[in-house]
N, C-alpha and C. Protein backbone atom coordinates (compact mmCIF):
# COMPACT_ATOMS: atom_id res chain seq x y z
N MET A 1 -9.76 -12.33 -22.99
CA MET A 1 -9.68 -13.25 -22.48
C MET A 1 -11.41 -12.89 -21.54
N ASN A 2 -12.06 -13.44 -21.45
CA ASN A 2 -13.29 -13.39 -20.54
C ASN A 2 -12.98 -13.81 -19.46
N HIS A 3 -13.52 -12.65 -18.35
CA HIS A 3 -12.96 -13.15 -16.48
C HIS A 3 -14.80 -12.85 -16.39
N THR A 4 -15.06 -13.97 -15.68
CA THR A 4 -16.24 -13.93 -15.15
C THR A 4 -16.32 -13.75 -13.53
N ASN A 5 -15.66 -13.62 -12.71
CA ASN A 5 -15.61 -13.32 -11.65
C ASN A 5 -16.11 -11.93 -11.08
N ARG A 6 -15.69 -10.70 -11.94
CA ARG A 6 -16.65 -10.17 -11.86
C ARG A 6 -16.98 -8.55 -12.57
N SER A 7 -18.41 -8.33 -13.29
CA SER A 7 -17.98 -7.67 -14.04
C SER A 7 -17.80 -5.98 -14.44
N CYS A 8 -17.63 -5.67 -15.69
CA CYS A 8 -16.83 -4.23 -15.33
C CYS A 8 -17.48 -3.22 -14.63
N PRO A 9 -17.55 -2.79 -13.33
CA PRO A 9 -18.11 -1.58 -13.08
C PRO A 9 -18.78 -0.05 -13.11
N THR A 10 -18.00 -0.12 -14.66
CA THR A 10 -18.55 0.67 -15.06
C THR A 10 -19.96 0.84 -16.36
N CYS A 11 -19.73 -0.21 -16.98
CA CYS A 11 -20.45 -0.61 -18.27
C CYS A 11 -20.84 -1.87 -18.07
N HIS A 12 -20.79 -3.11 -17.01
CA HIS A 12 -21.31 -4.46 -17.18
C HIS A 12 -20.90 -5.39 -17.74
N SER A 13 -19.93 -5.17 -18.60
CA SER A 13 -19.82 -5.97 -19.53
C SER A 13 -18.79 -7.13 -19.04
N ASN A 14 -18.57 -8.07 -19.67
CA ASN A 14 -18.12 -9.28 -19.08
C ASN A 14 -16.54 -9.52 -19.79
N ASN A 15 -16.22 -8.35 -20.57
CA ASN A 15 -15.32 -8.74 -21.91
C ASN A 15 -13.84 -7.84 -21.90
N SER A 16 -13.45 -8.72 -20.67
CA SER A 16 -11.96 -8.04 -20.19
C SER A 16 -10.92 -8.79 -20.48
N ASN A 17 -9.36 -8.31 -20.46
CA ASN A 17 -8.42 -8.67 -21.05
C ASN A 17 -7.40 -8.74 -19.69
N LEU A 18 -6.19 -9.48 -19.47
CA LEU A 18 -6.14 -9.40 -18.14
C LEU A 18 -4.83 -8.78 -19.01
N ILE A 19 -4.19 -7.70 -17.89
CA ILE A 19 -3.16 -6.62 -17.48
C ILE A 19 -1.95 -7.50 -17.10
N LYS A 20 -2.45 -7.75 -15.90
CA LYS A 20 -1.56 -8.40 -14.73
C LYS A 20 -2.06 -9.22 -13.33
N LYS A 21 -1.44 -10.41 -13.37
CA LYS A 21 -1.77 -10.91 -11.94
C LYS A 21 -1.11 -10.34 -10.74
N ILE A 22 -1.94 -9.93 -9.89
CA ILE A 22 -1.14 -9.07 -8.58
C ILE A 22 -1.20 -10.00 -7.44
N ASN A 23 -0.76 -10.61 -7.33
CA ASN A 23 -0.21 -11.48 -5.90
C ASN A 23 0.84 -10.96 -4.87
N PHE A 24 0.47 -10.79 -3.54
CA PHE A 24 0.94 -10.44 -2.61
C PHE A 24 0.25 -11.38 -1.05
N SER A 25 1.42 -11.18 -0.43
CA SER A 25 1.17 -11.78 1.15
C SER A 25 0.12 -10.70 1.84
N LEU A 26 -0.82 -11.66 2.20
CA LEU A 26 -1.39 -10.84 3.11
C LEU A 26 -1.87 -11.49 4.60
N PHE A 27 -2.50 -11.15 5.72
CA PHE A 27 -2.85 -11.91 7.00
C PHE A 27 -3.65 -12.74 6.53
N GLU A 28 -3.81 -14.16 7.45
CA GLU A 28 -4.95 -14.80 7.52
C GLU A 28 -6.09 -14.47 7.84
N GLY A 29 -7.00 -14.57 6.65
CA GLY A 29 -8.74 -13.92 6.91
C GLY A 29 -8.79 -12.69 6.09
N HIS A 30 -7.17 -12.12 5.33
CA HIS A 30 -7.75 -10.84 4.39
C HIS A 30 -8.12 -11.04 3.76
N PRO A 31 -9.40 -10.66 2.86
CA PRO A 31 -10.39 -10.79 2.09
C PRO A 31 -9.44 -10.95 0.52
N MET A 32 -8.79 -10.35 0.35
CA MET A 32 -7.67 -10.63 -0.74
C MET A 32 -6.90 -11.46 -0.93
N GLN A 33 -6.74 -12.55 -0.08
CA GLN A 33 -5.85 -13.39 -0.39
C GLN A 33 -5.48 -14.31 -1.34
N GLY A 34 -4.51 -14.41 -1.83
CA GLY A 34 -4.31 -15.11 -2.85
C GLY A 34 -4.05 -13.85 -4.41
N GLY A 35 -4.54 -12.52 -3.73
CA GLY A 35 -4.45 -12.06 -5.04
C GLY A 35 -5.81 -11.18 -6.00
N TYR A 36 -5.05 -11.06 -6.99
CA TYR A 36 -6.64 -10.60 -7.86
C TYR A 36 -6.13 -10.57 -9.32
N ASP A 37 -7.20 -10.48 -10.64
CA ASP A 37 -6.63 -10.11 -11.67
C ASP A 37 -6.70 -8.84 -11.80
N LEU A 38 -5.58 -8.03 -12.59
CA LEU A 38 -5.66 -6.52 -13.02
C LEU A 38 -6.10 -6.83 -14.18
N VAL A 39 -7.60 -5.92 -14.55
CA VAL A 39 -8.11 -6.23 -15.99
C VAL A 39 -8.44 -5.29 -16.39
N GLN A 40 -8.72 -5.25 -17.84
CA GLN A 40 -9.34 -4.01 -18.50
C GLN A 40 -10.21 -4.46 -19.84
N CYS A 41 -11.42 -3.74 -19.28
CA CYS A 41 -12.42 -3.80 -20.02
C CYS A 41 -13.01 -3.44 -21.87
N GLN A 42 -13.16 -4.65 -22.58
CA GLN A 42 -12.79 -4.53 -23.74
C GLN A 42 -13.57 -3.19 -24.38
N ASP A 43 -15.21 -3.30 -23.78
CA ASP A 43 -15.85 -2.35 -24.02
C ASP A 43 -15.91 -0.92 -23.74
N CYS A 44 -15.47 -0.32 -22.55
CA CYS A 44 -15.40 0.69 -22.24
C CYS A 44 -14.21 1.34 -21.86
N SER A 45 -12.90 0.37 -21.83
CA SER A 45 -11.43 0.56 -21.35
C SER A 45 -11.14 0.45 -19.51
N PHE A 46 -12.71 0.47 -19.10
CA PHE A 46 -11.90 0.77 -17.33
C PHE A 46 -11.14 -0.43 -16.79
N ILE A 47 -9.97 0.05 -16.13
CA ILE A 47 -9.47 -0.79 -16.03
C ILE A 47 -9.83 -1.17 -14.02
N TYR A 48 -9.83 -2.61 -13.52
CA TYR A 48 -10.14 -2.64 -12.34
C TYR A 48 -10.01 -4.36 -11.65
N ALA A 49 -10.10 -4.46 -10.91
CA ALA A 49 -9.78 -5.73 -10.04
C ALA A 49 -10.72 -6.44 -10.16
N ASP A 50 -10.15 -7.66 -10.69
CA ASP A 50 -11.61 -8.72 -11.04
C ASP A 50 -11.14 -9.82 -10.19
N THR A 51 -12.11 -10.24 -9.28
CA THR A 51 -12.16 -10.65 -8.05
C THR A 51 -13.24 -11.21 -7.61
N LYS A 52 -12.85 -12.78 -6.62
CA LYS A 52 -14.47 -13.52 -6.18
C LYS A 52 -14.81 -12.59 -4.99
N VAL A 53 -13.83 -11.84 -4.46
CA VAL A 53 -14.35 -11.28 -3.12
C VAL A 53 -15.59 -10.63 -3.22
N THR A 54 -16.34 -10.78 -2.56
CA THR A 54 -18.03 -9.82 -2.47
C THR A 54 -17.58 -8.31 -1.68
N GLN A 55 -18.25 -7.66 -2.26
CA GLN A 55 -18.47 -6.27 -1.79
C GLN A 55 -18.82 -5.97 -0.23
N ALA A 56 -19.59 -7.42 -0.03
CA ALA A 56 -19.87 -7.55 1.62
C ALA A 56 -18.36 -7.59 2.36
N GLU A 57 -17.79 -8.45 1.59
CA GLU A 57 -16.10 -9.12 2.46
C GLU A 57 -15.62 -8.17 2.66
N LEU A 58 -15.50 -7.10 1.23
CA LEU A 58 -14.76 -6.02 1.85
C LEU A 58 -15.21 -4.59 2.56
N ASP A 59 -16.59 -4.67 2.57
CA ASP A 59 -17.47 -3.86 3.39
C ASP A 59 -16.72 -3.88 4.89
N ASP A 60 -16.80 -5.67 4.95
CA ASP A 60 -16.62 -5.63 6.53
C ASP A 60 -14.63 -5.89 6.90
N TYR A 61 -14.31 -5.95 5.80
CA TYR A 61 -12.90 -5.57 6.73
C TYR A 61 -12.12 -4.48 6.25
N TYR A 62 -12.79 -3.32 5.58
CA TYR A 62 -12.88 -1.82 5.36
C TYR A 62 -13.10 -1.70 6.73
N SER A 63 -14.25 -2.13 7.12
CA SER A 63 -15.34 -1.63 8.65
C SER A 63 -14.45 -2.05 9.98
N ASN A 64 -13.70 -3.40 10.21
CA ASN A 64 -13.27 -4.21 11.01
C ASN A 64 -11.35 -4.11 10.94
N LEU A 65 -11.14 -4.07 9.91
CA LEU A 65 -9.41 -4.61 9.85
C LEU A 65 -8.71 -4.20 9.37
N SER A 66 -9.04 -2.90 8.79
CA SER A 66 -8.28 -1.88 7.65
C SER A 66 -7.33 -1.21 8.95
N LYS A 67 -6.22 -1.17 8.46
CA LYS A 67 -5.18 -0.65 8.92
C LYS A 67 -4.45 1.17 8.93
N TYR A 68 -5.17 1.32 8.13
CA TYR A 68 -4.95 2.86 7.29
C TYR A 68 -5.26 3.89 8.11
N GLU A 69 -6.10 3.47 9.21
CA GLU A 69 -6.61 4.74 10.36
C GLU A 69 -5.52 4.88 11.28
N SER A 70 -4.51 3.92 11.17
CA SER A 70 -3.32 3.51 12.73
C SER A 70 -2.29 4.64 12.32
N LYS A 71 -1.94 5.41 13.25
CA LYS A 71 -1.04 6.60 12.77
C LYS A 71 -0.05 5.41 12.86
N GLU A 72 0.46 4.44 13.76
CA GLU A 72 1.75 3.77 13.84
C GLU A 72 1.91 2.58 12.58
N ILE A 73 0.72 2.58 12.05
CA ILE A 73 1.22 1.33 11.34
C ILE A 73 1.03 1.54 9.68
N SER A 74 -0.08 2.39 9.51
CA SER A 74 -0.10 2.74 8.12
C SER A 74 0.58 3.96 7.08
N THR A 75 -0.01 3.63 6.24
CA THR A 75 1.00 4.36 5.29
C THR A 75 0.06 5.64 4.61
N GLY A 76 0.61 6.62 4.27
CA GLY A 76 -0.45 7.63 3.54
C GLY A 76 -0.97 8.80 4.48
N GLY A 77 -0.23 8.99 5.40
CA GLY A 77 -1.08 10.39 6.65
C GLY A 77 0.03 11.01 6.61
N GLY A 78 1.24 10.43 5.93
CA GLY A 78 2.43 11.62 6.27
C GLY A 78 3.13 11.50 7.75
N TYR A 79 2.89 10.35 8.84
CA TYR A 79 3.19 10.78 9.79
C TYR A 79 4.76 9.88 10.55
N ASN A 80 5.21 9.37 9.23
CA ASN A 80 6.96 9.10 9.47
C ASN A 80 7.16 9.74 8.28
N GLU A 81 8.69 9.95 8.64
CA GLU A 81 9.27 10.54 7.40
C GLU A 81 9.73 10.13 6.08
N TYR A 82 9.54 8.97 6.14
CA TYR A 82 9.74 8.12 4.75
C TYR A 82 8.24 8.81 4.03
N ASP A 83 7.03 8.28 4.66
CA ASP A 83 5.88 8.46 3.76
C ASP A 83 5.55 9.76 3.65
N ARG A 84 5.90 10.86 4.79
CA ARG A 84 5.92 12.13 4.57
C ARG A 84 6.65 12.92 2.88
N ASN A 85 7.90 12.49 3.41
CA ASN A 85 8.67 12.70 1.71
C ASN A 85 7.89 11.76 1.00
N ARG A 86 7.07 10.86 0.82
CA ARG A 86 6.43 10.31 -0.63
C ARG A 86 5.71 10.96 -1.03
N LEU A 87 4.54 11.27 0.06
CA LEU A 87 3.47 11.88 -0.21
C LEU A 87 3.84 13.90 -1.04
N VAL A 88 5.03 14.16 -0.46
CA VAL A 88 5.33 15.40 -0.72
C VAL A 88 6.16 15.05 -2.35
N ASP A 89 6.93 14.05 -2.26
CA ASP A 89 7.44 13.98 -3.81
C ASP A 89 6.52 14.21 -4.77
N THR A 90 5.58 12.90 -4.88
CA THR A 90 4.25 12.56 -5.40
C THR A 90 3.30 13.95 -5.66
N ALA A 91 3.14 15.06 -4.64
CA ALA A 91 2.04 16.30 -5.03
C ALA A 91 3.11 17.04 -5.84
N GLN A 92 4.68 17.19 -5.41
CA GLN A 92 5.50 18.10 -6.45
C GLN A 92 5.39 17.38 -8.03
N TYR A 93 5.18 16.36 -7.97
CA TYR A 93 5.85 15.45 -9.28
C TYR A 93 4.00 16.26 -10.05
N ILE A 94 2.98 16.02 -9.25
CA ILE A 94 1.73 16.16 -9.83
C ILE A 94 1.88 17.34 -10.19
N SER A 95 2.09 18.51 -9.18
CA SER A 95 2.15 19.81 -9.63
C SER A 95 3.11 20.31 -10.93
N SER A 96 4.36 19.67 -10.77
CA SER A 96 5.13 20.39 -12.21
C SER A 96 4.58 19.61 -13.23
N ARG A 97 4.06 18.48 -13.61
CA ARG A 97 2.76 18.57 -14.69
C ARG A 97 1.51 19.08 -14.71
N PHE A 98 0.91 19.90 -14.04
CA PHE A 98 0.04 20.25 -14.28
C PHE A 98 -0.01 21.76 -13.80
N ASN A 99 -0.14 22.80 -14.36
CA ASN A 99 -0.18 24.18 -14.33
C ASN A 99 -1.35 24.95 -13.62
N ASN A 100 -2.28 24.16 -14.27
CA ASN A 100 -4.19 24.52 -13.84
C ASN A 100 -3.90 24.33 -12.38
N LYS A 101 -4.00 25.07 -11.23
CA LYS A 101 -4.27 24.71 -10.00
C LYS A 101 -6.01 23.93 -9.76
N GLU A 102 -6.62 24.87 -10.91
CA GLU A 102 -7.93 24.43 -10.34
C GLU A 102 -8.56 22.98 -11.41
N LEU A 103 -7.99 22.31 -11.59
CA LEU A 103 -7.86 20.72 -12.16
C LEU A 103 -8.44 19.91 -10.89
N ALA A 104 -9.29 19.38 -11.31
CA ALA A 104 -10.04 18.52 -11.04
C ALA A 104 -9.11 16.88 -10.43
N ILE A 105 -9.15 16.65 -8.63
CA ILE A 105 -8.49 15.58 -9.06
C ILE A 105 -8.86 14.70 -7.89
N ALA A 106 -8.90 13.53 -8.29
CA ALA A 106 -9.62 12.62 -7.27
C ALA A 106 -8.68 11.41 -6.41
N ASP A 107 -8.71 11.27 -5.15
CA ASP A 107 -7.40 10.30 -4.83
C ASP A 107 -8.40 9.23 -4.47
N VAL A 108 -8.44 7.89 -5.01
CA VAL A 108 -8.76 6.91 -4.83
C VAL A 108 -8.85 6.32 -4.16
N GLY A 109 -9.11 5.80 -2.42
CA GLY A 109 -8.34 4.80 -1.61
C GLY A 109 -7.59 5.66 -1.26
N CYS A 110 -7.89 6.89 -0.89
CA CYS A 110 -6.90 7.95 0.09
C CYS A 110 -6.31 7.60 1.30
N ALA A 111 -7.02 6.54 2.07
CA ALA A 111 -7.00 6.43 2.99
C ALA A 111 -7.35 7.64 4.12
N ILE A 112 -6.10 8.48 4.71
CA ILE A 112 -6.52 9.72 6.00
C ILE A 112 -5.70 10.52 5.39
N GLY A 113 -6.06 10.77 3.67
CA GLY A 113 -6.04 12.18 3.10
C GLY A 113 -4.48 12.84 3.37
N GLY A 114 -3.30 12.07 3.18
CA GLY A 114 -1.96 12.67 3.50
C GLY A 114 -1.37 13.29 1.88
N LEU A 115 -2.05 12.53 0.62
CA LEU A 115 -1.62 13.11 -0.12
C LEU A 115 -2.65 14.13 -0.85
N LEU A 116 -4.00 14.40 0.10
CA LEU A 116 -4.77 15.08 -0.52
C LEU A 116 -4.09 16.59 0.54
N GLU A 117 -3.54 16.78 1.73
CA GLU A 117 -2.83 17.51 2.35
C GLU A 117 -1.58 18.28 1.58
N GLN A 118 -1.18 17.25 0.91
CA GLN A 118 0.44 17.97 0.57
C GLN A 118 -0.29 18.43 -1.06
N LEU A 119 -1.23 18.05 -2.06
CA LEU A 119 -1.53 18.98 -2.85
C LEU A 119 -2.59 19.96 -2.56
N ARG A 120 -3.03 20.14 -1.35
CA ARG A 120 -3.33 21.48 -1.48
C ARG A 120 -2.27 22.29 -0.86
N ASN A 121 -1.17 22.09 -0.33
CA ASN A 121 -0.50 22.73 -0.35
C ASN A 121 0.62 23.09 -1.40
N GLU A 122 0.14 22.31 -2.39
CA GLU A 122 1.20 22.84 -3.54
C GLU A 122 -0.01 23.63 -4.22
N GLY A 123 -1.02 24.01 -3.85
CA GLY A 123 -1.74 25.04 -4.39
C GLY A 123 -3.20 24.68 -4.95
N PHE A 124 -3.35 23.50 -5.22
CA PHE A 124 -5.06 22.75 -5.55
C PHE A 124 -6.20 22.90 -4.39
N ASN A 125 -7.00 23.29 -5.22
CA ASN A 125 -7.94 23.76 -4.44
C ASN A 125 -9.45 22.34 -4.46
N ASN A 126 -9.45 21.82 -5.93
CA ASN A 126 -10.29 21.37 -6.46
C ASN A 126 -9.87 19.74 -6.24
N ILE A 127 -10.34 19.64 -4.82
CA ILE A 127 -9.55 17.84 -4.56
C ILE A 127 -10.77 17.07 -3.92
N THR A 128 -10.81 15.94 -4.24
CA THR A 128 -11.17 14.90 -3.56
C THR A 128 -11.18 13.73 -2.83
N GLY A 129 -11.49 13.27 -1.97
CA GLY A 129 -10.81 11.62 -1.53
C GLY A 129 -12.15 11.03 -1.31
N ILE A 130 -11.25 9.80 -1.88
CA ILE A 130 -12.76 8.74 -1.63
C ILE A 130 -12.19 7.52 -1.07
N ASP A 131 -12.23 6.92 0.04
CA ASP A 131 -12.01 5.68 0.27
C ASP A 131 -13.13 5.16 1.17
N PRO A 132 -12.98 3.39 1.39
CA PRO A 132 -14.29 2.28 1.65
C PRO A 132 -14.19 2.53 2.99
N SER A 133 -13.21 3.05 4.15
CA SER A 133 -12.87 3.00 4.94
C SER A 133 -13.95 4.09 5.46
N ILE A 134 -14.85 4.30 6.27
CA ILE A 134 -15.77 5.53 7.01
C ILE A 134 -14.59 5.62 7.82
N SER A 135 -13.75 5.00 8.76
CA SER A 135 -13.09 5.47 9.93
C SER A 135 -11.85 6.30 9.35
N CYS A 136 -11.34 6.09 7.92
CA CYS A 136 -10.57 7.16 7.56
C CYS A 136 -11.21 8.55 6.70
N VAL A 137 -12.91 8.28 6.09
CA VAL A 137 -12.97 9.30 5.85
C VAL A 137 -13.31 10.40 6.42
N ASN A 138 -13.94 9.52 7.80
CA ASN A 138 -13.99 10.74 9.24
C ASN A 138 -12.68 11.24 9.67
N ILE A 139 -11.40 10.83 9.24
CA ILE A 139 -10.12 11.27 9.80
C ILE A 139 -9.90 12.32 8.55
N THR A 140 -10.03 11.92 7.60
CA THR A 140 -9.66 12.93 6.37
C THR A 140 -10.50 14.44 6.11
N LYS A 141 -12.09 13.97 6.81
CA LYS A 141 -12.76 15.12 7.26
C LYS A 141 -12.45 15.92 7.79
N ASN A 142 -11.46 15.26 8.98
CA ASN A 142 -11.32 16.72 9.90
C ASN A 142 -9.93 17.26 9.56
């Protein structure tokens, strides 16, 4: 299947296969309204979201409408018991699979760094968080 909405972010190929259509309910005005296709590049195997949403629209969303900075409504920071337990369980699972605590780990879409904190608690030191929200990045740094 050839997707033309977005070329592969890694190799710029337009040769990709559909893995799954991702649909979810979002508030009015959200740039990902209607979902997106999860695809795999047939040239380099990278998996990415194929969407018509522009980078400018995503930048605007993460600058002005992102919920991940909020302690009241977000997930990913471990501010409520369910979320904290989920992050602890995830970090413990990763730790049980990898004995090398110097392993480089990148949390892409780290929000406010809750998983990074739990990975550090498990003894991992070579960890990096990446998030498109500048507010989330600043909270994670602190």
